[in-house]
Amino acid sequence: MSDVELVVVVGTFPNRIEAEIAQGALEAAEIESIVSADDAGGTDPGLGGVRLLVRAEDAERAGRLVQSE
């Protein structure tokens, strides 16, 4: 991953599995992303949802891909 920050949330998911499926779609489209979750290290998945983040310049395209999933 490059030095550019991945800061734009393109989707919020109820669990890590759904976020990782969407992340796979972005990866197939060559869009870098990260999954971010406030889930106490996986011990409490209901804390705040799981976010999928991308670079600002990829946000529009990534958002369309995530919504179509």
N, C-alpha and C. Protein backbone atom coordinates (compact mmCIF):
# COMPACT_ATOMS: atom_id res chain seq x y z
N MET A 1 0.84 -1.17 0.00
CA MET A 1 0.00 0.00 0.00
C MET A 1 0.89 1.24 0.00
N SER A 2 0.46 2.26 -0.68
CA SER A 2 1.28 3.46 -0.78
C SER A 2 1.09 4.35 0.44
N ASP A 3 1.75 5.51 0.41
CA ASP A 3 1.71 6.44 1.53
C ASP A 3 0.42 7.25 1.60
N VAL A 4 -0.41 7.20 0.55
CA VAL A 4 -1.65 7.95 0.55
C VAL A 4 -2.61 7.34 1.56
N GLU A 5 -3.24 8.19 2.37
CA GLU A 5 -4.12 7.68 3.41
C GLU A 5 -5.44 7.18 2.84
N LEU A 6 -5.91 6.08 3.40
CA LEU A 6 -7.21 5.54 3.05
C LEU A 6 -8.18 6.06 4.10
N VAL A 7 -8.93 7.10 3.75
CA VAL A 7 -9.70 7.80 4.76
C VAL A 7 -11.19 7.95 4.46
N VAL A 8 -11.62 7.64 3.26
CA VAL A 8 -13.02 7.84 2.91
C VAL A 8 -13.79 6.54 3.13
N VAL A 9 -14.84 6.60 3.93
CA VAL A 9 -15.67 5.42 4.19
C VAL A 9 -16.64 5.26 3.02
N VAL A 10 -16.56 4.12 2.34
CA VAL A 10 -17.47 3.87 1.22
C VAL A 10 -18.56 2.87 1.58
N GLY A 11 -18.49 2.31 2.76
CA GLY A 11 -19.53 1.40 3.20
C GLY A 11 -19.36 1.03 4.65
N THR A 12 -20.48 0.81 5.32
CA THR A 12 -20.48 0.32 6.69
C THR A 12 -21.30 -0.96 6.71
N PHE A 13 -20.75 -2.00 7.30
CA PHE A 13 -21.33 -3.34 7.24
C PHE A 13 -21.59 -3.86 8.65
N PRO A 14 -22.55 -4.78 8.78
CA PRO A 14 -22.86 -5.31 10.10
C PRO A 14 -21.80 -6.26 10.66
N ASN A 15 -20.95 -6.80 9.76
CA ASN A 15 -19.90 -7.71 10.24
C ASN A 15 -18.70 -7.69 9.30
N ARG A 16 -17.61 -8.24 9.79
CA ARG A 16 -16.35 -8.22 9.04
C ARG A 16 -16.44 -9.04 7.74
N ILE A 17 -17.19 -10.12 7.75
CA ILE A 17 -17.30 -10.98 6.57
C ILE A 17 -17.89 -10.20 5.40
N GLU A 18 -18.98 -9.48 5.63
CA GLU A 18 -19.60 -8.71 4.54
C GLU A 18 -18.66 -7.61 4.06
N ALA A 19 -17.93 -6.98 4.97
CA ALA A 19 -16.98 -5.94 4.59
C ALA A 19 -15.86 -6.53 3.73
N GLU A 20 -15.40 -7.72 4.08
CA GLU A 20 -14.32 -8.35 3.31
C GLU A 20 -14.79 -8.81 1.94
N ILE A 21 -16.05 -9.18 1.81
CA ILE A 21 -16.60 -9.51 0.48
C ILE A 21 -16.57 -8.27 -0.40
N ALA A 22 -17.02 -7.14 0.14
CA ALA A 22 -16.99 -5.88 -0.61
C ALA A 22 -15.55 -5.48 -0.91
N GLN A 23 -14.66 -5.71 0.02
CA GLN A 23 -13.25 -5.40 -0.20
C GLN A 23 -12.69 -6.23 -1.37
N GLY A 24 -13.13 -7.47 -1.48
CA GLY A 24 -12.71 -8.31 -2.60
C GLY A 24 -13.15 -7.74 -3.94
N ALA A 25 -14.36 -7.18 -3.99
CA ALA A 25 -14.83 -6.55 -5.22
C ALA A 25 -13.97 -5.34 -5.57
N LEU A 26 -13.59 -4.57 -4.57
CA LEU A 26 -12.72 -3.42 -4.82
C LEU A 26 -11.34 -3.88 -5.27
N GLU A 27 -10.83 -4.92 -4.65
CA GLU A 27 -9.52 -5.46 -5.04
C GLU A 27 -9.54 -5.91 -6.50
N ALA A 28 -10.63 -6.55 -6.93
CA ALA A 28 -10.76 -7.00 -8.32
C ALA A 28 -10.76 -5.81 -9.28
N ALA A 29 -11.23 -4.66 -8.80
CA ALA A 29 -11.24 -3.45 -9.61
C ALA A 29 -9.97 -2.63 -9.42
N GLU A 30 -8.99 -3.20 -8.73
CA GLU A 30 -7.70 -2.58 -8.46
C GLU A 30 -7.83 -1.29 -7.66
N ILE A 31 -8.73 -1.30 -6.67
CA ILE A 31 -8.89 -0.19 -5.74
C ILE A 31 -8.43 -0.67 -4.37
N GLU A 32 -7.40 -0.01 -3.83
CA GLU A 32 -6.90 -0.38 -2.51
C GLU A 32 -7.91 0.04 -1.45
N SER A 33 -8.05 -0.79 -0.44
CA SER A 33 -8.97 -0.49 0.65
C SER A 33 -8.51 -1.17 1.92
N ILE A 34 -9.08 -0.73 3.03
CA ILE A 34 -8.85 -1.40 4.30
C ILE A 34 -10.19 -1.56 5.02
N VAL A 35 -10.26 -2.59 5.83
CA VAL A 35 -11.43 -2.83 6.67
C VAL A 35 -11.07 -2.31 8.06
N SER A 36 -11.95 -1.49 8.61
CA SER A 36 -11.73 -0.91 9.93
C SER A 36 -12.93 -1.21 10.81
N ALA A 37 -12.67 -1.78 11.98
CA ALA A 37 -13.77 -2.14 12.87
C ALA A 37 -13.42 -1.82 14.31
N ASP A 38 -14.37 -1.27 15.02
CA ASP A 38 -14.24 -1.07 16.46
C ASP A 38 -14.98 -2.22 17.12
N ASP A 39 -14.35 -3.40 17.07
CA ASP A 39 -15.02 -4.60 17.55
C ASP A 39 -14.24 -5.32 18.65
N ALA A 40 -13.45 -4.57 19.37
CA ALA A 40 -12.67 -5.12 20.49
C ALA A 40 -11.85 -6.32 20.06
N GLY A 41 -11.16 -6.16 18.94
CA GLY A 41 -10.32 -7.24 18.44
C GLY A 41 -11.09 -8.46 17.98
N GLY A 42 -12.34 -8.25 17.59
CA GLY A 42 -13.16 -9.35 17.11
C GLY A 42 -14.00 -10.01 18.20
N THR A 43 -13.82 -9.58 19.45
CA THR A 43 -14.56 -10.21 20.54
C THR A 43 -15.97 -9.65 20.72
N ASP A 44 -16.23 -8.46 20.17
CA ASP A 44 -17.56 -7.86 20.28
C ASP A 44 -17.95 -7.24 18.94
N PRO A 45 -18.40 -8.05 17.98
CA PRO A 45 -18.66 -7.55 16.64
C PRO A 45 -19.80 -6.54 16.55
N GLY A 46 -20.59 -6.35 17.58
CA GLY A 46 -21.71 -5.44 17.51
C GLY A 46 -21.43 -4.02 17.97
N LEU A 47 -20.19 -3.68 18.23
CA LEU A 47 -19.88 -2.37 18.81
C LEU A 47 -20.20 -1.20 17.90
N GLY A 48 -19.79 -1.21 16.66
CA GLY A 48 -19.99 0.00 15.86
C GLY A 48 -20.04 -0.21 14.37
N GLY A 49 -20.19 -1.42 13.94
CA GLY A 49 -20.18 -1.66 12.51
C GLY A 49 -18.76 -1.77 11.98
N VAL A 50 -18.65 -2.25 10.79
CA VAL A 50 -17.35 -2.45 10.16
C VAL A 50 -17.31 -1.54 8.94
N ARG A 51 -16.28 -0.72 8.86
CA ARG A 51 -16.16 0.27 7.78
C ARG A 51 -15.15 -0.18 6.73
N LEU A 52 -15.44 0.19 5.49
CA LEU A 52 -14.53 -0.06 4.37
C LEU A 52 -14.04 1.30 3.90
N LEU A 53 -12.71 1.49 3.94
CA LEU A 53 -12.13 2.78 3.61
C LEU A 53 -11.28 2.71 2.35
N VAL A 54 -11.30 3.81 1.58
CA VAL A 54 -10.50 3.92 0.35
C VAL A 54 -9.88 5.31 0.30
N ARG A 55 -9.04 5.53 -0.70
CA ARG A 55 -8.47 6.86 -0.94
C ARG A 55 -9.57 7.80 -1.45
N ALA A 56 -9.39 9.08 -1.21
CA ALA A 56 -10.38 10.08 -1.66
C ALA A 56 -10.58 10.02 -3.17
N GLU A 57 -9.50 9.83 -3.92
CA GLU A 57 -9.64 9.83 -5.38
C GLU A 57 -10.35 8.58 -5.91
N ASP A 58 -10.47 7.54 -5.11
CA ASP A 58 -11.17 6.32 -5.52
C ASP A 58 -12.58 6.22 -4.95
N ALA A 59 -12.98 7.18 -4.12
CA ALA A 59 -14.22 7.08 -3.37
C ALA A 59 -15.47 6.94 -4.25
N GLU A 60 -15.59 7.74 -5.28
CA GLU A 60 -16.80 7.69 -6.10
C GLU A 60 -16.95 6.34 -6.79
N ARG A 61 -15.89 5.90 -7.42
CA ARG A 61 -15.93 4.60 -8.13
C ARG A 61 -16.14 3.45 -7.15
N ALA A 62 -15.43 3.50 -6.03
CA ALA A 62 -15.56 2.45 -5.02
C ALA A 62 -16.96 2.41 -4.44
N GLY A 63 -17.54 3.57 -4.20
CA GLY A 63 -18.89 3.63 -3.67
C GLY A 63 -19.90 2.98 -4.60
N ARG A 64 -19.74 3.21 -5.90
CA ARG A 64 -20.63 2.57 -6.88
C ARG A 64 -20.46 1.05 -6.86
N LEU A 65 -19.24 0.59 -6.78
CA LEU A 65 -19.00 -0.86 -6.75
C LEU A 65 -19.57 -1.50 -5.49
N VAL A 66 -19.39 -0.85 -4.36
CA VAL A 66 -19.89 -1.39 -3.10
C VAL A 66 -21.41 -1.43 -3.09
N GLN A 67 -22.04 -0.39 -3.62
CA GLN A 67 -23.50 -0.36 -3.66
C GLN A 67 -24.08 -1.41 -4.58
N SER A 68 -23.35 -1.78 -5.61
CA SER A 68 -23.86 -2.78 -6.56
C SER A 68 -23.69 -4.21 -6.05
N GLU A 69 -22.94 -4.38 -4.98
CA GLU A 69 -22.71 -5.72 -4.40
C GLU A 69 -23.93 -6.21 -3.68
